[in-house]
């Protein structure tokens, strides 16, 4: 398990009120809401960085599709299905 660490978080009053209201609507603690928002934001930024690196490779579309065509044709994991 990952060790948790406390950090100070400075929010303006309006943002804090919004977060408290949303946490209440979701039925989770304010702390959990912040942790989930940070987790999701980090994932999003990491993915954006990854895609920026891919775009910088300037691979022609037909070559990219050829590479994708090499991926195995398997069903997604249960939790990844729509």
C-alpha atoms as a PDB file:
ATOM      1  CA  UNK A   1       0.000   0.000   0.000  1.00  0.00           C
ATOM      2  CA  UNK A   2       1.180   3.518  -0.762  1.00  0.00           C
ATOM      3  CA  UNK A   3       2.116   5.718   2.146  1.00  0.00           C
ATOM      4  CA  UNK A   4      -0.179   8.706   2.408  1.00  0.00           C
ATOM      5  CA  UNK A   5       1.125  12.137   3.238  1.00  0.00           C
ATOM      6  CA  UNK A   6      -0.707  15.272   4.264  1.00  0.00           C
ATOM      7  CA  UNK A   7      -0.142  18.480   2.354  1.00  0.00           C
ATOM      8  CA  UNK A   8      -1.674  21.919   2.845  1.00  0.00           C
ATOM      9  CA  UNK A   9      -4.155  22.879   0.156  1.00  0.00           C
ATOM     10  CA  UNK A  10      -5.082  26.504  -0.368  1.00  0.00           C
ATOM     11  CA  UNK A  11      -8.417  27.192  -2.023  1.00  0.00           C
ATOM     12  CA  UNK A  12     -10.458  30.316  -2.232  1.00  0.00           C
ATOM     13  CA  UNK A  13     -13.708  30.230  -0.277  1.00  0.00           C
ATOM     14  CA  UNK A  14     -15.937  29.828  -3.336  1.00  0.00           C
ATOM     15  CA  UNK A  15     -14.000  26.801  -4.631  1.00  0.00           C
ATOM     16  CA  UNK A  16     -14.029  25.222  -1.192  1.00  0.00           C
ATOM     17  CA  UNK A  17     -17.798  25.654  -0.940  1.00  0.00           C
ATOM     18  CA  UNK A  18     -18.259  24.098  -4.383  1.00  0.00           C
ATOM     19  CA  UNK A  19     -16.060  21.159  -3.396  1.00  0.00           C
ATOM     20  CA  UNK A  20     -17.918  20.650  -0.130  1.00  0.00           C
ATOM     21  CA  UNK A  21     -21.270  20.733  -1.919  1.00  0.00           C
ATOM     22  CA  UNK A  22     -20.103  18.273  -4.585  1.00  0.00           C
ATOM     23  CA  UNK A  23     -18.603  15.908  -2.025  1.00  0.00           C
ATOM     24  CA  UNK A  24     -21.919  15.979  -0.180  1.00  0.00           C
ATOM     25  CA  UNK A  25     -23.853  15.227  -3.379  1.00  0.00           C
ATOM     26  CA  UNK A  26     -21.530  12.339  -4.157  1.00  0.00           C
ATOM     27  CA  UNK A  27     -21.673  11.021  -0.605  1.00  0.00           C
ATOM     28  CA  UNK A  28     -17.903  11.113  -0.133  1.00  0.00           C
ATOM     29  CA  UNK A  29     -15.592  13.077   2.110  1.00  0.00           C
ATOM     30  CA  UNK A  30     -14.101  16.340   0.961  1.00  0.00           C
ATOM     31  CA  UNK A  31     -10.645  14.785   1.315  1.00  0.00           C
ATOM     32  CA  UNK A  32     -11.610  11.859  -0.938  1.00  0.00           C
ATOM     33  CA  UNK A  33     -12.996  14.270  -3.523  1.00  0.00           C
ATOM     34  CA  UNK A  34      -9.702  16.175  -3.642  1.00  0.00           C
ATOM     35  CA  UNK A  35      -7.705  12.932  -3.857  1.00  0.00           C
ATOM     36  CA  UNK A  36      -9.854  11.689  -6.758  1.00  0.00           C
ATOM     37  CA  UNK A  37      -9.671  15.023  -8.573  1.00  0.00           C
ATOM     38  CA  UNK A  38      -5.885  15.070  -8.247  1.00  0.00           C
ATOM     39  CA  UNK A  39      -5.625  11.436  -9.376  1.00  0.00           C
ATOM     40  CA  UNK A  40      -7.843  12.034 -12.417  1.00  0.00           C
ATOM     41  CA  UNK A  41      -6.038  15.276 -13.255  1.00  0.00           C
ATOM     42  CA  UNK A  42      -2.649  13.578 -13.112  1.00  0.00           C
ATOM     43  CA  UNK A  43      -3.849  10.797 -15.410  1.00  0.00           C
ATOM     44  CA  UNK A  44      -5.248  13.322 -17.864  1.00  0.00           C
ATOM     45  CA  UNK A  45      -2.028  15.362 -17.902  1.00  0.00           C
ATOM     46  CA  UNK A  46       0.096  12.219 -18.330  1.00  0.00           C
ATOM     47  CA  UNK A  47      -2.055  11.129 -21.269  1.00  0.00           C
ATOM     48  CA  UNK A  48      -1.866  14.590 -22.829  1.00  0.00           C
ATOM     49  CA  UNK A  49       1.919  14.484 -22.513  1.00  0.00           C
ATOM     50  CA  UNK A  50       2.060  11.015 -24.043  1.00  0.00           C
ATOM     51  CA  UNK A  51      -0.098  12.048 -27.011  1.00  0.00           C
ATOM     52  CA  UNK A  52       1.976  15.194 -27.519  1.00  0.00           C
ATOM     53  CA  UNK A  53       5.071  12.988 -27.755  1.00  0.00           C
ATOM     54  CA  UNK A  54       3.319  10.725 -30.252  1.00  0.00           C
ATOM     55  CA  UNK A  55       2.262  13.699 -32.370  1.00  0.00           C
ATOM     56  CA  UNK A  56       5.830  15.013 -32.358  1.00  0.00           C
ATOM     57  CA  UNK A  57       6.986  11.821 -34.083  1.00  0.00           C
ATOM     58  CA  UNK A  58       5.183  12.973 -37.254  1.00  0.00           C
ATOM     59  CA  UNK A  59       4.254   9.442 -38.309  1.00  0.00           C
ATOM     60  CA  UNK A  60       2.178   9.470 -41.505  1.00  0.00           C
ATOM     61  CA  UNK A  61      -1.429   8.302 -40.877  1.00  0.00           C
ATOM     62  CA  UNK A  62      -1.072   5.205 -43.061  1.00  0.00           C
ATOM     63  CA  UNK A  63       1.988   4.069 -41.067  1.00  0.00           C
ATOM     64  CA  UNK A  64       0.160   4.687 -37.797  1.00  0.00           C
ATOM     65  CA  UNK A  65      -2.812   2.623 -38.981  1.00  0.00           C
ATOM     66  CA  UNK A  66      -0.443  -0.147 -40.057  1.00  0.00           C
ATOM     67  CA  UNK A  67       1.061  -0.220 -36.558  1.00  0.00           C
ATOM     68  CA  UNK A  68      -2.409  -0.269 -34.978  1.00  0.00           C
ATOM     69  CA  UNK A  69      -3.332  -3.123 -37.309  1.00  0.00           C
ATOM     70  CA  UNK A  70      -0.685  -5.252 -35.605  1.00  0.00           C
ATOM     71  CA  UNK A  71      -2.493  -5.078 -32.263  1.00  0.00           C
ATOM     72  CA  UNK A  72      -4.228  -8.327 -31.305  1.00  0.00           C
ATOM     73  CA  UNK A  73      -7.988  -8.437 -31.831  1.00  0.00           C
ATOM     74  CA  UNK A  74      -9.162  -9.195 -28.292  1.00  0.00           C
ATOM     75  CA  UNK A  75     -12.180  -8.179 -26.268  1.00  0.00           C
ATOM     76  CA  UNK A  76     -11.562  -5.418 -23.717  1.00  0.00           C
ATOM     77  CA  UNK A  77     -11.404  -6.283 -20.045  1.00  0.00           C
ATOM     78  CA  UNK A  78     -14.820  -6.299 -18.347  1.00  0.00           C
ATOM     79  CA  UNK A  79     -14.196  -2.990 -16.560  1.00  0.00           C
ATOM     80  CA  UNK A  80     -13.160  -1.335 -19.851  1.00  0.00           C
ATOM     81  CA  UNK A  81     -16.269  -2.301 -21.824  1.00  0.00           C
ATOM     82  CA  UNK A  82     -18.929   0.261 -22.653  1.00  0.00           C
END
